[in-house]
Amino acid sequence: MPTRGPPNTHGSRGGLQFRPSGPGPPPGADRARPKKIVFEDELPSRALLGIKKPVGSIPGGHMPRPHPVPDYKLKYPAVSSERERRCYAAVFQDQYTEFLDLQQELGSAQAKLQRLEALLTSLPPPRSQKEAQVAARVRREFEKKRMVSSCQDPSFLDKQARCRYLKGKLRHLKTQIQEFDNRGDSEDSVYF
């Protein structure tokens, strides 16, 4: 006795469409249902679901680094009174001396390395094999010292970072004071 297979599923070409039997909406009911609009803030948190929101031009597996706001921008908002201006100016003066000291110390260390490098380059060419070996060893030691002092020495790197931080803080304080002074000038001005 021949068995019948499932009917042909040709969609709109005139053939029958096969639909599994069982509970569910009747055929065509999914088209009749109104669409529900859900806004993004109504959805459960993406962090809880483990879903990452796609970001414009950033590649899929790359996470952008956060850009932290320096603490001085939060600690020193716009100046609103003459008393606050005096406090900002006092902090500026105190930090400015520290900045100058650090800048001088870093500059003198870099200048010393530059003088040594100039001295090494001005040496006459070696006259013997032994002088060539000594000159090569001195050059290697100098390069090692330069790399350690400027790139790997934690103390030097900390001083450089502190110097950059102070420069940003001083620039911020100066801007806040100048903006307050400019607002004060415009309030006291009389226009005809």
Protein backbone atom coordinates (compact mmCIF):
# COMPACT_ATOMS: atom_id res chain seq x y z
CA MET A 1 0.00 0.00 0.00
CA PRO A 2 1.52 3.34 -1.01
CA THR A 3 1.98 6.00 1.68
CA ARG A 4 1.40 9.64 1.15
CA GLY A 5 4.19 12.13 1.92
CA PRO A 6 3.64 15.66 3.10
CA PRO A 7 1.90 17.91 0.63
CA ASN A 8 3.97 20.16 -1.62
CA THR A 9 4.92 23.54 -0.13
CA HIS A 10 5.17 25.96 -3.01
CA GLY A 11 3.82 29.08 -1.29
CA SER A 12 1.85 31.27 -3.69
CA ARG A 13 2.37 29.12 -6.78
CA GLY A 14 -0.93 27.45 -6.37
CA GLY A 15 0.19 24.43 -4.37
CA LEU A 16 -0.95 23.61 -0.87
CA GLN A 17 0.97 24.95 2.08
CA PHE A 18 1.96 22.51 4.74
CA ARG A 19 1.29 23.63 8.29
CA PRO A 20 1.97 21.46 11.30
CA SER A 21 -1.12 20.61 13.24
CA GLY A 22 -1.43 21.58 16.85
CA PRO A 23 -2.26 24.59 19.01
CA GLY A 24 -1.36 27.99 17.78
CA PRO A 25 -2.84 30.90 15.96
CA PRO A 26 -4.84 30.19 12.85
CA PRO A 27 -3.14 30.86 9.52
CA GLY A 28 -2.90 34.56 8.72
CA ALA A 29 -3.51 35.63 12.33
CA ASP A 30 0.05 36.95 12.70
CA ARG A 31 -0.64 39.45 9.93
CA ALA A 32 -3.81 40.73 11.55
CA ARG A 33 -2.21 41.49 14.95
CA PRO A 34 -1.22 45.14 15.55
CA LYS A 35 2.48 45.76 16.07
CA LYS A 36 3.59 46.71 19.54
CA ILE A 37 6.06 49.58 19.79
CA VAL A 38 8.62 49.26 22.59
CA PHE A 39 11.09 52.01 23.35
CA GLU A 40 14.64 51.16 24.30
CA ASP A 41 14.35 52.50 27.85
CA GLU A 42 11.37 50.17 28.47
CA LEU A 43 13.50 47.08 27.80
CA PRO A 44 15.35 45.30 30.59
CA SER A 45 18.89 46.54 31.01
CA ARG A 46 21.24 45.28 28.29
CA ALA A 47 23.90 44.70 30.92
CA LEU A 48 21.57 42.29 32.74
CA LEU A 49 20.82 40.46 29.51
CA GLY A 50 24.48 40.37 28.52
CA ILE A 51 23.76 42.16 25.24
CA LYS A 52 26.08 44.88 24.05
CA LYS A 53 24.59 47.83 22.26
CA PRO A 54 26.20 48.28 18.86
CA VAL A 55 28.13 51.51 18.63
CA GLY A 56 28.49 53.44 15.35
CA SER A 57 31.85 52.89 13.74
CA ILE A 58 33.53 50.88 16.51
CA PRO A 59 34.38 47.31 15.42
CA GLY A 60 32.36 44.50 16.96
CA GLY A 61 34.84 43.02 19.46
CA HIS A 62 36.44 46.33 20.45
CA MET A 63 35.34 48.10 23.63
CA PRO A 64 36.02 51.85 23.70
CA ARG A 65 38.14 53.11 26.57
CA PRO A 66 36.34 55.43 28.96
CA HIS A 67 37.62 58.98 29.13
CA PRO A 68 37.75 59.79 32.83
CA VAL A 69 37.08 63.36 33.89
CA PRO A 70 39.98 64.74 35.94
CA ASP A 71 39.12 65.30 39.58
CA TYR A 72 39.97 68.99 39.44
CA LYS A 73 37.18 69.62 36.92
CA LEU A 74 34.68 68.31 39.46
CA LYS A 75 36.35 69.92 42.48
CA TYR A 76 36.74 73.35 40.90
CA PRO A 77 33.53 74.30 39.05
CA ALA A 78 32.87 77.79 37.72
CA VAL A 79 33.80 80.54 40.18
CA SER A 80 30.72 82.21 41.61
CA SER A 81 32.05 84.63 44.23
CA GLU A 82 35.04 86.80 45.03
CA ARG A 83 35.86 84.54 47.99
CA GLU A 84 35.90 81.47 45.74
CA ARG A 85 38.13 83.33 43.28
CA ARG A 86 40.66 84.04 46.04
CA CYS A 87 40.65 80.35 47.04
CA TYR A 88 41.22 79.25 43.44
CA ALA A 89 44.05 81.80 43.07
CA ALA A 90 45.70 80.52 46.29
CA VAL A 91 45.52 76.91 45.05
CA PHE A 92 46.94 78.05 41.71
CA GLN A 93 49.92 79.79 43.37
CA ASP A 94 50.62 76.80 45.63
CA GLN A 95 50.46 74.25 42.81
CA TYR A 96 52.34 76.48 40.36
CA THR A 97 55.51 76.39 42.47
CA GLU A 98 55.32 72.58 42.65
CA PHE A 99 54.80 72.46 38.86
CA LEU A 100 57.83 74.69 38.22
CA ASP A 101 60.03 72.58 40.52
CA LEU A 102 58.98 69.34 38.81
CA GLN A 103 59.38 70.83 35.36
CA GLN A 104 62.88 72.05 36.22
CA GLU A 105 63.89 68.65 37.64
CA LEU A 106 62.61 66.76 34.58
CA GLY A 107 64.17 69.27 32.23
CA SER A 108 67.58 69.04 33.90
CA ALA A 109 67.54 65.21 33.69
CA GLN A 110 66.68 65.35 29.99
CA ALA A 111 69.30 68.06 29.37
CA LYS A 112 71.96 65.91 31.06
CA LEU A 113 71.09 63.00 28.77
CA GLN A 114 71.26 65.27 25.73
CA ARG A 115 74.70 66.59 26.77
CA LEU A 116 75.99 63.03 27.19
CA GLU A 117 74.63 62.07 23.79
CA ALA A 118 76.27 65.09 22.18
CA LEU A 119 79.55 64.19 23.86
CA LEU A 120 79.34 60.62 22.59
CA THR A 121 78.63 61.71 19.03
CA SER A 122 81.51 64.21 19.09
CA LEU A 123 84.12 61.58 20.02
CA PRO A 124 86.75 60.96 17.32
CA PRO A 125 86.52 57.65 15.45
CA PRO A 126 88.26 54.77 17.20
CA ARG A 127 91.83 54.11 16.04
CA SER A 128 92.05 50.50 17.18
CA GLN A 129 89.85 47.46 17.69
CA LYS A 130 90.05 47.89 21.47
CA GLU A 131 88.89 51.54 21.28
CA ALA A 132 86.01 50.46 19.01
CA GLN A 133 84.92 47.86 21.56
CA VAL A 134 85.10 50.37 24.43
CA ALA A 135 83.15 52.96 22.43
CA ALA A 136 80.47 50.38 21.56
CA ARG A 137 80.17 49.32 25.21
CA VAL A 138 79.88 52.97 26.35
CA ARG A 139 77.21 53.60 23.68
CA ARG A 140 75.20 50.52 24.82
CA GLU A 141 75.41 51.63 28.46
CA PHE A 142 74.29 55.13 27.52
CA GLU A 143 71.31 53.78 25.53
CA LYS A 144 70.37 51.54 28.46
CA LYS A 145 70.53 54.45 30.91
CA ARG A 146 68.51 56.67 28.59
CA MET A 147 65.81 54.03 28.19
CA VAL A 148 65.67 53.29 31.91
CA SER A 149 65.63 56.92 33.01
CA SER A 150 63.06 58.14 30.51
CA CYS A 151 60.85 55.13 29.83
CA GLN A 152 61.00 52.61 32.63
CA ASP A 153 62.06 54.39 35.82
CA PRO A 154 58.91 54.50 37.98
CA SER A 155 60.05 57.64 39.79
CA PHE A 156 60.70 59.49 36.53
CA LEU A 157 57.37 58.33 35.06
CA ASP A 158 55.51 59.38 38.23
CA LYS A 159 57.09 62.82 38.06
CA GLN A 160 56.14 63.16 34.39
CA ALA A 161 52.55 62.12 35.13
CA ARG A 162 52.35 64.54 38.07
CA CYS A 163 53.72 67.33 35.88
CA ARG A 164 51.06 66.66 33.18
CA TYR A 165 48.33 66.53 35.86
CA LEU A 166 49.45 69.82 37.42
CA LYS A 167 49.62 71.49 34.02
CA GLY A 168 46.01 70.49 33.31
CA LYS A 169 44.86 71.56 36.77
CA LEU A 170 46.61 74.93 36.54
CA ARG A 171 45.16 75.54 33.09
CA HIS A 172 41.67 74.71 34.43
CA LEU A 173 42.02 76.99 37.46
CA LYS A 174 43.34 79.83 35.32
CA THR A 175 40.42 79.45 32.89
CA GLN A 176 37.87 79.46 35.72
CA ILE A 177 39.39 82.60 37.24
CA GLN A 178 39.56 84.39 33.88
CA GLU A 179 35.95 83.51 33.04
CA PHE A 180 34.84 84.89 36.41
CA ASP A 181 36.83 88.07 35.82
CA ASN A 182 35.33 88.47 32.34
CA ARG A 183 31.80 88.00 33.70
CA GLY A 184 32.55 90.61 36.36
CA ASP A 185 33.84 93.06 33.77
CA SER A 186 30.73 92.70 31.64
CA GLU A 187 28.40 93.13 34.64
CA ASP A 188 30.11 96.36 35.69
CA SER A 189 30.15 97.76 32.16
CA VAL A 190 27.72 100.41 31.02
CA TYR A 191 26.63 100.36 27.41
CA PHE A 192 25.19 103.36 25.54
